[in-house]
Each structure stands twice: as structure tokens, then as C-alpha cells.
Amino acid sequence: MKYRTVAVTTAAALAATALLSGCGSDDGEDEPASSGPASLTYWAWAPGLDKVADIWNKGPGKEAGITVTVKKQASGDDLVTKIITAAKAHKAPDLVQAEYQALPTLVSNDVLADISEEAGDAKGDFADGIWQQATLGSDALYALPQDSGPLMFYYRQDLFEQYGLKVPTTWDEFAGTARALKKKAPDKDLTTFSSNDSGLFAGLAQQAGAQWWTTGGDKWKVAIDDPATQKVADFWGGLVKEGVIDNQPMYTPAWNKALNTGKQVAWVSAVWAPGTLTTAAPDTKGKWAMAPLPQWNAGENVTGSWGGSSTAVTNDSKNKKAAATFAKWLNTDPAALAALVKESGIYPAATAAQTGGALSEAPDYFSDQPAFYTEAAKIARGTAPAAWGPNVNVAYSAFKDNFAAAAKNRSDFGTALTAMQDATVADLKKQGFGVSE
């Protein structure tokens, strides 16, 4: 069954439920028979996906008569823009790799097909918080989750032992650890608050319970400055103002040096951090350990996400059933998941039971922590749901601008958060969306 929006320029059409209720159906149109050959095109950026597709083409795909060709693309906003442009010309590929935060934008632009009938039974293979990002909280399914980025706490074991530091299990303990380190070693920092990657802050807000974009009736509600996010902003802003953590951005030569020399002894990051540390801090291999993200309430297991993408089927595809079949195989089949780990270096969104032995060995950088992925799977089960809207790019840009100034000046983060909220709301209104105050 094919769904098409009637009026995507209205706010009602942007709500996932409204996208469905405001649509007509035309059974059979553009749908292939259950058998017969199909040649699919897949736009994606993850490395090695062509090798994973080859496994499909030589095995299950050959049996089903479905061939997939991967065409490498740029990631992020560049791909979102390109796919929307292609869809408007009805020249979109069959499949596209889409970051979770891009899904509402792609749905509102009528790019993605609802594949709930073809792949909805895969729900049990994913954590609830991850699945929710692919459904936009509706009964529809706009993509199959591919990889996830649950947040964790990374720290230098040797330096924690040297300075008698306790691995924090709560954010209060985290602040105490930062203060204790600064008192014992004034030239070192527990970590830094960085303004050049909005995804980390978004993930921390998710852990605290934030829902930045929601819908009610025919309007969007933006709650970037909600109490949960205010709590996160005040916490980090307080540590920066106090001077017990650094205020420098990540991914710079200075940041790499701080990690490599032990000036920065910990990093709040995601499951993919070992790859970054391998490059940023090569001299400290084997000296780091991973622990669960500190909690707001002791004893809980809640984490946010930093990054992650999905495999979606477009409305332009003439072979939606075949495309959904491949998307499901790619993201749930043990052989496919093993190949994604090996060839693409990603952490599959599927539960550990589906990945078989693909994650049985720890990342080489964490060879002293053999249970790395076992612990990561436990943490991932507590992934909090995220709520994305159609102008994530605007919100992220406002974060970078306003929080960069606040971090540099060690000034009030609350003011920066308000500016981020205001910029996001103003942009929605400018685009003609209804916004509830």
C-alpha cells in the first residue's frame, strides 16, 4: 500500500499521525509482484556498504532475484538536500541511508515510504527508543534502524588510579570527580564541554528526558528549553563557570593532544569512541576503560544517543517490497550485521542476540576490556527515545553559535539555550508551520 501526503505545507502533514490520516491509498500502484527480478539503488555514506551488499547479491538476493547497487554519497545535510531534490523530480533511489534526526524532514517532504506492512515485524529486534525514532511515534515505519550511538563514559584507568578518583555513577559524582581532579592536578581536566558537535548535547538532553519536537493537533511544539534540557545546560554551564572542566571544542589538534598526553582524563562519548581515540590519542591505547553514562537518579540505566542512522525506502521506488526486504535483511540478519561491523565499523542498532559473534571481541584499542560490547549492549537497552523535528539543522546551528560564545566566556548557558529555542521556533514559523506556544 502506498501513502502520499495531501498537503505537506501544513503543520498537520508534518505530524507522523497526520501524515497517515491525511493520505489516500492506491493499492498496488508502483508495487511489484512478490516474485520477479528487481534492481535497486541504495544511496549511502557508510564505508564498505558495497561489500555488505555483495553478500546479499550473491546469496539471498540472488535467490530472490533482487540486486542492490550502492552509490556512495556525502552524509549529513548534504545528502538530505540531495535526496529531497531528487524526490521532487521523482528520481530518488530505491533506498537511502538516513540519520534519525533527518527522518521527520524527509517524511514531511514526502520522500519516504511507510514500510510497516513489509518490515514492521522486526520491532522486537531493536530497543524501544531506537524503534521509536524510525516510526516517529506513529503506527507507520519510515525506516529500519541501522546503527546506534548510545552514550557512555570513557576514562583513563591509570590516571584515575593515580589520583584516587572514583568512576562516577551519577552526575553529582561526576561533578565531584571533576573537582577532586582539579584540586589534585590543577593542570588537568576531567573533560571538556564542546560546542562544535550538537549531537552530544542532544543525547545528554535525551537522557534527562527531553523531547525537543512534538506535535499536537496541527501544530508543532518546540521544547528545547524544557526543564530537562535546562537541567543539563545548567549542570555543564556550572562546571565550565567553576573552571573544573575545560571549555575547548573537540576534534581540534589541541583536543587530540589533551587526550594523548593525559591533560584530559575522560570523555563522555558514544559506542563508536574507540575509533576516534585510536586516531586522537594513539599513545594511550590500552589505558582507557568504558563505563555506563552517569545517571541523574542513582541505580537507573538510561542513556542518550549520539549519532546513528537508518535504511529507508523512498516513495519513488518501483520495487518497495523488494527494497523493504533488503533493508530488513541488512539490519537484522546475523550475517549482514557481522559484515556491517567488519566492513563499515558500525555498532548495529539490532539487539545483541541478532549480532551473533560479530561483537564477541572488544575493539583493539580496548583490548584490556574484553566485555566491552557485552557492557555496551546492556547500556544500549536503556536508550531514551528522541523526538526530532523538520528543522534540526537550524537548532544545531543555533547551538553551535550560542553555546560556543557561552563556553568561551564561561557565561550563563541558560541564555544560550533560550536563544537556541527562539531560533528554532522562528524558523518553523518562517517556513509556514503552525507552532504552539
Protein backbone atom coordinates (compact mmCIF):
# COMPACT_ATOMS: atom_id res chain seq x y z
CA MET A 1 0.00 0.00 0.00
CA LYS A 2 1.34 3.43 -0.89
CA TYR A 3 0.79 6.56 1.19
CA ARG A 4 1.13 10.07 -0.14
CA THR A 5 0.66 13.30 1.76
CA VAL A 6 -2.07 15.63 0.60
CA ALA A 7 -0.65 18.94 1.78
CA VAL A 8 2.87 18.73 3.12
CA THR A 9 2.97 22.50 3.54
CA THR A 10 0.63 22.29 6.52
CA ALA A 11 1.79 21.52 10.00
CA ALA A 12 -0.76 18.73 10.21
CA ALA A 13 1.00 16.88 7.43
CA LEU A 14 4.23 17.04 9.37
CA ALA A 15 2.94 15.10 12.34
CA ALA A 16 3.52 11.42 11.72
CA THR A 17 -0.05 10.52 12.58
CA ALA A 18 -1.38 13.28 10.39
CA LEU A 19 0.83 12.11 7.57
CA LEU A 20 -1.10 8.87 7.61
CA SER A 21 -4.60 10.10 8.36
CA GLY A 22 -4.36 12.79 5.71
CA CYS A 23 -3.37 10.36 2.99
CA GLY A 24 -5.15 8.34 0.41
CA SER A 25 -4.18 4.84 -0.61
CA ASP A 26 -3.91 3.34 -4.05
CA ASP A 27 -3.34 -0.36 -3.56
CA GLY A 28 -0.93 -1.94 -5.96
CA GLU A 29 0.31 1.21 -7.68
CA ASP A 30 4.10 1.17 -8.12
CA GLU A 31 4.29 -2.13 -6.20
CA PRO A 32 6.00 -5.14 -7.76
CA ALA A 33 4.71 -8.66 -7.57
CA SER A 34 6.09 -10.75 -4.73
CA SER A 35 8.34 -12.55 -7.21
CA GLY A 36 10.36 -11.44 -10.18
CA PRO A 37 13.65 -9.60 -10.67
CA ALA A 38 14.31 -6.20 -9.13
CA SER A 39 17.34 -3.93 -9.45
CA LEU A 40 17.65 -1.49 -6.56
CA THR A 41 19.82 1.57 -5.98
CA TYR A 42 20.96 2.45 -2.46
CA TRP A 43 22.39 5.89 -1.60
CA ALA A 44 24.62 5.63 1.47
CA TRP A 45 27.79 7.03 3.02
CA ALA A 46 28.97 4.34 5.47
CA PRO A 47 32.22 2.74 4.28
CA GLY A 48 32.11 -0.79 2.99
CA LEU A 49 28.37 -0.99 2.39
CA ASP A 50 29.04 -2.10 -1.17
CA LYS A 51 30.83 -5.15 0.24
CA VAL A 52 27.86 -5.90 2.50
CA ALA A 53 25.50 -5.56 -0.47
CA ASP A 54 27.67 -8.04 -2.38
CA ILE A 55 26.90 -10.66 0.28
CA TRP A 56 23.22 -10.07 -0.38
CA ASN A 57 23.61 -10.09 -4.16
CA LYS A 58 25.48 -13.41 -4.12
CA GLY A 59 23.20 -15.08 -1.58
CA PRO A 60 19.66 -14.13 -0.52
CA GLY A 61 19.35 -11.52 -3.23
CA LYS A 62 20.31 -13.94 -5.97
CA GLU A 63 17.68 -16.41 -4.75
CA ALA A 64 15.04 -13.68 -4.61
CA GLY A 65 16.07 -12.03 -7.86
CA ILE A 66 16.85 -8.73 -6.10
CA THR A 67 20.11 -6.93 -6.87
CA VAL A 68 21.30 -3.91 -4.85
CA THR A 69 23.83 -1.35 -6.09
CA VAL A 70 25.32 1.01 -3.51
CA LYS A 71 26.16 4.52 -4.65
CA LYS A 72 28.40 6.39 -2.22
CA GLN A 73 27.12 9.80 -1.12
CA ALA A 74 28.05 12.61 1.23
CA SER A 75 26.49 12.36 4.68
CA GLY A 76 24.50 14.75 6.84
CA ASP A 77 22.66 17.75 5.47
CA ASP A 78 24.25 17.34 2.02
CA LEU A 79 22.53 14.00 1.48
CA VAL A 80 19.22 15.27 2.90
CA THR A 81 19.24 18.15 0.42
CA LYS A 82 20.19 15.88 -2.46
CA ILE A 83 17.54 13.27 -1.75
CA ILE A 84 14.79 15.86 -1.38
CA THR A 85 15.80 17.46 -4.68
CA ALA A 86 15.81 14.05 -6.38
CA ALA A 87 12.41 13.17 -4.91
CA LYS A 88 10.85 16.37 -6.21
CA ALA A 89 11.96 15.31 -9.69
CA HIS A 90 10.71 11.75 -8.96
CA LYS A 91 14.27 10.46 -9.43
CA ALA A 92 15.07 9.33 -5.89
CA PRO A 93 16.83 5.97 -5.43
CA ASP A 94 15.05 2.95 -4.00
CA LEU A 95 16.87 3.12 -0.66
CA VAL A 96 18.69 5.80 1.30
CA GLN A 97 20.80 5.82 4.44
CA ALA A 98 19.26 8.48 6.67
CA GLU A 99 20.27 9.75 10.08
CA TYR A 100 17.47 9.52 12.62
CA GLN A 101 17.17 13.27 13.06
CA ALA A 102 16.66 13.65 9.28
CA LEU A 103 13.64 11.34 9.12
CA PRO A 104 10.97 13.95 10.02
CA THR A 105 12.33 16.29 7.34
CA LEU A 106 12.30 13.52 4.73
CA VAL A 107 8.81 12.37 5.72
CA SER A 108 7.42 15.90 5.62
CA ASN A 109 8.86 16.30 2.12
CA ASP A 110 7.09 13.08 1.03
CA VAL A 111 10.37 11.27 0.35
CA LEU A 112 9.95 8.11 2.45
CA ALA A 113 7.50 5.24 2.16
CA ASP A 114 5.73 3.56 5.06
CA ILE A 115 7.11 0.01 5.18
CA SER A 116 5.29 -1.13 8.31
CA GLU A 117 3.46 -3.91 6.47
CA GLU A 118 6.66 -5.24 4.92
CA ALA A 119 9.05 -4.88 7.87
CA GLY A 120 7.06 -3.96 10.95
CA ASP A 121 7.56 -7.40 12.46
CA ALA A 122 11.23 -6.51 13.04
CA LYS A 123 10.29 -4.34 16.02
CA GLY A 124 11.44 -6.94 18.53
CA ASP A 125 14.97 -6.78 17.16
CA PHE A 126 15.51 -3.22 18.42
CA ALA A 127 15.40 -1.27 21.65
CA ASP A 128 12.17 0.71 22.06
CA GLY A 129 13.95 4.06 22.00
CA ILE A 130 15.65 3.24 18.70
CA TRP A 131 12.48 1.87 17.09
CA GLN A 132 10.55 5.00 18.07
CA GLN A 133 12.94 7.13 16.05
CA ALA A 134 12.10 5.12 12.93
CA THR A 135 8.33 5.33 13.45
CA LEU A 136 8.23 8.98 14.58
CA GLY A 137 5.95 7.76 17.36
CA SER A 138 3.25 6.61 14.92
CA ASP A 139 1.97 3.30 13.56
CA ALA A 140 3.97 3.88 10.39
CA LEU A 141 7.54 2.66 9.82
CA TYR A 142 9.69 5.01 7.77
CA ALA A 143 13.00 3.16 8.03
CA LEU A 144 14.78 0.20 9.60
CA PRO A 145 17.27 1.22 12.31
CA GLN A 146 20.82 0.51 11.15
CA ASP A 147 23.30 1.70 13.75
CA SER A 148 23.10 3.48 17.06
CA GLY A 149 25.34 5.59 19.24
CA PRO A 150 24.46 5.01 22.90
CA LEU A 151 26.34 7.39 25.18
CA MET A 152 28.93 6.07 27.64
CA PHE A 153 31.69 7.31 29.91
CA TYR A 154 35.32 6.78 28.88
CA TYR A 155 38.18 7.36 31.30
CA ARG A 156 41.91 6.80 31.75
CA GLN A 157 42.19 3.90 34.17
CA ASP A 158 45.80 4.65 35.06
CA LEU A 159 45.18 8.31 35.85
CA PHE A 160 42.02 7.60 37.83
CA GLU A 161 44.07 5.20 39.94
CA GLN A 162 46.98 7.65 40.23
CA TYR A 163 44.77 10.45 41.53
CA GLY A 164 42.45 8.26 43.57
CA LEU A 165 39.39 9.14 41.51
CA LYS A 166 36.11 7.28 41.66
CA VAL A 167 34.36 6.34 38.41
CA PRO A 168 31.14 8.39 38.66
CA THR A 169 27.79 6.60 38.53
CA THR A 170 25.71 9.79 38.91
CA TRP A 171 26.11 13.30 37.57
CA ASP A 172 26.60 14.59 41.11
CA GLU A 173 29.52 12.19 41.45
CA PHE A 174 30.78 13.32 38.03
CA ALA A 175 30.93 16.92 39.28
CA GLY A 176 32.67 15.75 42.46
CA THR A 177 35.24 13.81 40.42
CA ALA A 178 35.93 16.89 38.28
CA ARG A 179 36.52 19.00 41.38
CA ALA A 180 38.69 16.37 43.03
CA LEU A 181 40.93 16.07 39.97
CA LYS A 182 41.30 19.82 39.60
CA LYS A 183 42.31 20.08 43.26
CA LYS A 184 44.90 17.31 42.96
CA ALA A 185 46.18 18.22 39.48
CA PRO A 186 45.32 21.83 38.53
CA ASP A 187 46.85 21.35 35.07
CA LYS A 188 44.41 18.57 34.18
CA ASP A 189 40.69 18.45 33.36
CA LEU A 190 38.23 15.62 33.73
CA THR A 191 36.76 16.54 30.35
CA THR A 192 35.66 19.49 28.22
CA PHE A 193 32.34 21.00 27.22
CA SER A 194 32.38 21.23 23.45
CA SER A 195 30.10 23.39 21.34
CA ASN A 196 31.17 22.12 17.92
CA ASP A 197 29.10 18.93 17.86
CA SER A 198 25.44 19.41 18.71
CA GLY A 199 24.74 15.69 18.77
CA LEU A 200 26.40 15.13 22.14
CA PHE A 201 24.34 17.82 23.85
CA ALA A 202 21.17 16.47 22.22
CA GLY A 203 21.96 12.99 23.53
CA LEU A 204 22.58 14.27 27.05
CA ALA A 205 19.24 16.09 26.93
CA GLN A 206 17.51 12.88 25.78
CA GLN A 207 18.95 11.03 28.75
CA ALA A 208 17.44 13.66 31.04
CA GLY A 209 14.02 13.16 29.42
CA ALA A 210 13.92 15.95 26.85
CA GLN A 211 11.53 15.80 23.88
CA TRP A 212 12.60 18.73 21.71
CA TRP A 213 9.94 18.41 19.00
CA THR A 214 6.44 17.03 19.47
CA THR A 215 3.13 17.54 17.70
CA GLY A 216 -0.34 18.32 18.94
CA GLY A 217 -3.27 18.62 16.55
CA ASP A 218 -1.99 20.53 13.55
CA LYS A 219 0.94 22.25 15.26
CA TRP A 220 4.50 21.61 16.27
CA LYS A 221 5.61 22.21 19.84
CA VAL A 222 9.28 23.04 20.37
CA ALA A 223 10.60 22.37 23.87
CA ILE A 224 14.35 22.76 23.51
CA ASP A 225 14.36 24.90 26.64
CA ASP A 226 12.27 22.43 28.65
CA PRO A 227 13.19 21.68 32.30
CA ALA A 228 15.13 18.53 31.34
CA THR A 229 17.39 20.39 28.93
CA GLN A 230 17.69 23.37 31.26
CA LYS A 231 18.96 20.96 33.91
CA VAL A 232 21.61 19.64 31.52
CA ALA A 233 22.63 23.13 30.40
CA ASP A 234 22.85 24.43 33.95
CA PHE A 235 24.92 21.43 35.02
CA TRP A 236 27.53 21.77 32.31
CA GLY A 237 27.48 25.55 32.38
CA GLY A 238 28.09 25.46 36.11
CA LEU A 239 31.14 23.21 35.73
CA VAL A 240 32.55 25.44 32.98
CA LYS A 241 31.96 28.61 35.02
CA GLU A 242 33.54 26.97 38.07
CA GLY A 243 36.59 26.13 35.98
CA VAL A 244 36.68 22.44 36.92
CA ILE A 245 36.32 21.27 33.31
CA ASP A 246 37.71 22.73 30.10
CA ASN A 247 35.72 24.83 27.66
CA GLN A 248 37.53 23.96 24.44
CA PRO A 249 35.94 22.29 21.37
CA MET A 250 36.54 18.66 20.38
CA TYR A 251 38.27 17.33 17.27
CA THR A 252 40.96 20.01 17.20
CA PRO A 253 44.74 19.37 17.37
CA ALA A 254 44.72 20.84 20.89
CA TRP A 255 41.95 18.45 21.96
CA ASN A 256 43.76 15.47 20.47
CA LYS A 257 46.91 16.47 22.34
CA ALA A 258 44.99 16.83 25.60
CA LEU A 259 43.68 13.27 25.24
CA ASN A 260 47.00 11.86 24.14
CA THR A 261 49.04 13.47 26.94
CA GLY A 262 46.55 12.93 29.75
CA LYS A 263 45.65 16.58 30.20
CA GLN A 264 42.04 15.46 29.65
CA VAL A 265 41.43 12.21 31.52
CA ALA A 266 37.87 11.33 30.50
CA TRP A 267 35.38 11.79 27.67
CA VAL A 268 31.61 11.46 27.52
CA SER A 269 31.11 9.86 24.13
CA ALA A 270 29.28 7.12 22.24
CA VAL A 271 29.96 3.48 21.46
CA TRP A 272 31.99 4.49 18.41
CA ALA A 273 34.58 6.35 20.55
CA PRO A 274 37.31 3.69 20.20
CA GLY A 275 37.74 4.62 16.55
CA THR A 276 38.16 8.30 17.40
CA LEU A 277 40.54 7.61 20.27
CA THR A 278 42.68 5.41 18.06
CA THR A 279 43.43 8.46 15.92
CA ALA A 280 43.26 11.22 18.53
CA ALA A 281 45.21 9.51 21.32
CA PRO A 282 47.31 6.72 19.83
CA ASP A 283 49.86 6.75 22.66
CA THR A 284 47.22 5.85 25.26
CA LYS A 285 45.98 2.61 23.71
CA GLY A 286 45.08 0.10 26.41
CA LYS A 287 44.91 2.75 29.13
CA TRP A 288 41.23 3.62 28.74
CA ALA A 289 38.11 1.92 30.08
CA MET A 290 34.41 2.32 29.36
CA ALA A 291 31.63 2.61 31.93
CA PRO A 292 27.91 3.44 31.80
CA LEU A 293 26.93 7.08 31.44
CA PRO A 294 26.43 8.78 34.84
CA GLN A 295 22.76 8.85 35.84
CA TRP A 296 20.54 11.63 37.11
CA ASN A 297 18.97 9.15 39.53
CA ALA A 298 21.17 6.54 41.18
CA GLY A 299 20.54 2.98 40.09
CA GLU A 300 18.88 3.76 36.76
CA ASN A 301 20.09 2.67 33.32
CA VAL A 302 19.19 5.48 30.94
CA THR A 303 21.36 6.78 28.15
CA GLY A 304 21.00 9.07 25.16
CA SER A 305 22.19 8.67 21.58
CA TRP A 306 24.92 10.47 19.70
CA GLY A 307 24.65 9.62 16.04
CA GLY A 308 23.01 6.69 14.35
CA SER A 309 21.34 6.08 11.02
CA SER A 310 18.67 4.01 9.33
CA THR A 311 17.81 2.41 5.99
CA ALA A 312 14.72 3.91 4.37
CA VAL A 313 12.70 3.11 1.25
CA THR A 314 11.63 6.02 -0.93
CA ASN A 315 8.23 6.72 -2.42
CA ASP A 316 9.85 6.84 -5.85
CA SER A 317 10.90 3.21 -5.70
CA LYS A 318 9.03 0.97 -8.13
CA ASN A 319 10.05 -2.02 -6.02
CA LYS A 320 9.13 -1.08 -2.45
CA LYS A 321 8.55 -4.64 -1.29
CA ALA A 322 11.92 -5.74 -2.61
CA ALA A 323 13.61 -2.68 -1.10
CA ALA A 324 12.00 -3.32 2.29
CA THR A 325 13.08 -6.96 2.10
CA PHE A 326 16.70 -5.91 1.60
CA ALA A 327 16.51 -3.23 4.32
CA LYS A 328 15.22 -5.81 6.79
CA TRP A 329 17.95 -8.30 5.87
CA LEU A 330 20.65 -5.64 6.08
CA ASN A 331 19.72 -4.61 9.60
CA THR A 332 18.54 -7.85 11.25
CA ASP A 333 20.26 -10.82 9.58
CA PRO A 334 23.27 -12.06 11.63
CA ALA A 335 25.47 -12.41 8.53
CA ALA A 336 24.63 -8.88 7.42
CA LEU A 337 25.21 -7.45 10.89
CA ALA A 338 28.57 -9.18 11.14
CA ALA A 339 29.54 -7.67 7.80
CA LEU A 340 28.38 -4.21 8.89
CA VAL A 341 30.64 -4.46 11.93
CA LYS A 342 33.61 -5.73 9.92
CA GLU A 343 33.27 -3.68 6.73
CA SER A 344 31.57 -0.50 7.93
CA GLY A 345 32.86 -0.30 11.50
CA ILE A 346 29.44 0.49 12.94
CA TYR A 347 27.63 -0.60 16.08
CA PRO A 348 24.41 -2.25 14.87
CA ALA A 349 21.13 -0.96 16.25
CA ALA A 350 19.83 -4.53 16.44
CA THR A 351 19.94 -6.22 19.81
CA ALA A 352 22.97 -8.27 20.77
CA ALA A 353 21.05 -11.50 20.16
CA GLN A 354 20.93 -10.66 16.45
CA THR A 355 24.61 -9.83 16.03
CA GLY A 356 25.86 -13.32 16.86
CA GLY A 357 29.62 -13.34 17.30
CA ALA A 358 30.21 -10.11 15.40
CA LEU A 359 30.76 -8.21 18.64
CA SER A 360 32.40 -11.00 20.61
CA GLU A 361 35.79 -9.29 20.59
CA ALA A 362 36.44 -5.88 22.11
CA PRO A 363 37.80 -3.04 19.96
CA ASP A 364 41.57 -3.39 19.66
CA TYR A 365 42.03 -0.07 21.46
CA PHE A 366 40.16 -1.55 24.45
CA SER A 367 41.85 -4.96 24.42
CA ASP A 368 42.04 -4.90 28.23
CA GLN A 369 38.25 -4.73 28.46
CA PRO A 370 37.11 -7.96 26.73
CA ALA A 371 33.49 -7.44 27.80
CA PHE A 372 33.33 -4.06 26.03
CA TYR A 373 30.46 -4.93 23.70
CA THR A 374 28.65 -7.02 26.28
CA GLU A 375 28.53 -3.98 28.54
CA ALA A 376 27.66 -1.74 25.60
CA ALA A 377 24.62 -3.92 24.83
CA LYS A 378 23.39 -3.57 28.41
CA ILE A 379 23.78 0.20 28.22
CA ALA A 380 22.06 0.40 24.83
CA ARG A 381 18.94 -1.29 26.20
CA GLY A 382 18.33 1.85 28.23
CA THR A 383 18.41 4.22 25.25
CA ALA A 384 15.91 7.03 25.79
CA PRO A 385 13.58 7.98 22.91
CA ALA A 386 14.42 11.01 20.84
CA ALA A 387 11.97 13.46 19.31
CA TRP A 388 13.12 15.16 16.11
CA GLY A 389 11.51 17.89 14.03
CA PRO A 390 11.75 19.22 10.48
CA ASN A 391 14.45 21.83 11.21
CA VAL A 392 17.07 20.03 13.26
CA ASN A 393 19.76 21.73 11.17
CA VAL A 394 18.60 25.16 12.36
CA ALA A 395 18.56 24.09 16.00
CA TYR A 396 22.01 22.54 15.74
CA SER A 397 23.42 25.65 14.08
CA ALA A 398 21.96 27.84 16.83
CA PHE A 399 23.51 25.55 19.44
CA LYS A 400 26.96 25.91 17.93
CA ASP A 401 26.73 29.69 17.70
CA ASN A 402 25.26 30.41 21.12
CA PHE A 403 26.94 27.74 23.20
CA ALA A 404 30.32 28.49 21.65
CA ALA A 405 30.09 32.04 22.97
CA ALA A 406 28.78 30.93 26.35
CA ALA A 407 31.52 28.32 26.78
CA LYS A 408 34.27 30.70 25.70
CA ASN A 409 33.05 33.44 28.06
CA ARG A 410 32.11 30.98 30.84
CA SER A 411 28.75 32.73 30.90
CA ASP A 412 25.18 31.57 31.51
CA PHE A 413 24.26 28.50 29.43
CA GLY A 414 20.58 29.17 30.09
CA THR A 415 20.68 32.27 27.90
CA ALA A 416 22.28 30.25 25.12
CA LEU A 417 19.55 27.61 25.42
CA THR A 418 16.82 30.25 25.16
CA ALA A 419 18.44 31.61 22.01
CA MET A 420 18.50 28.11 20.56
CA GLN A 421 14.80 27.67 21.32
CA ASP A 422 13.87 31.05 19.85
CA ALA A 423 15.83 30.47 16.64
CA THR A 424 14.19 27.08 16.10
CA VAL A 425 10.66 28.40 16.67
CA ALA A 426 11.25 31.42 14.45
CA ASP A 427 12.46 29.20 11.61
CA LEU A 428 9.40 26.93 11.82
CA LYS A 429 7.10 29.93 11.65
CA LYS A 430 9.07 31.38 8.75
CA GLN A 431 8.56 28.12 6.85
CA GLY A 432 4.81 28.39 7.46
CA PHE A 433 4.39 25.69 10.09
CA GLY A 434 1.91 26.09 12.91
CA VAL A 435 3.68 26.30 16.27
CA SER A 436 2.01 26.02 19.66
CA GLU A 437 3.46 28.32 22.29
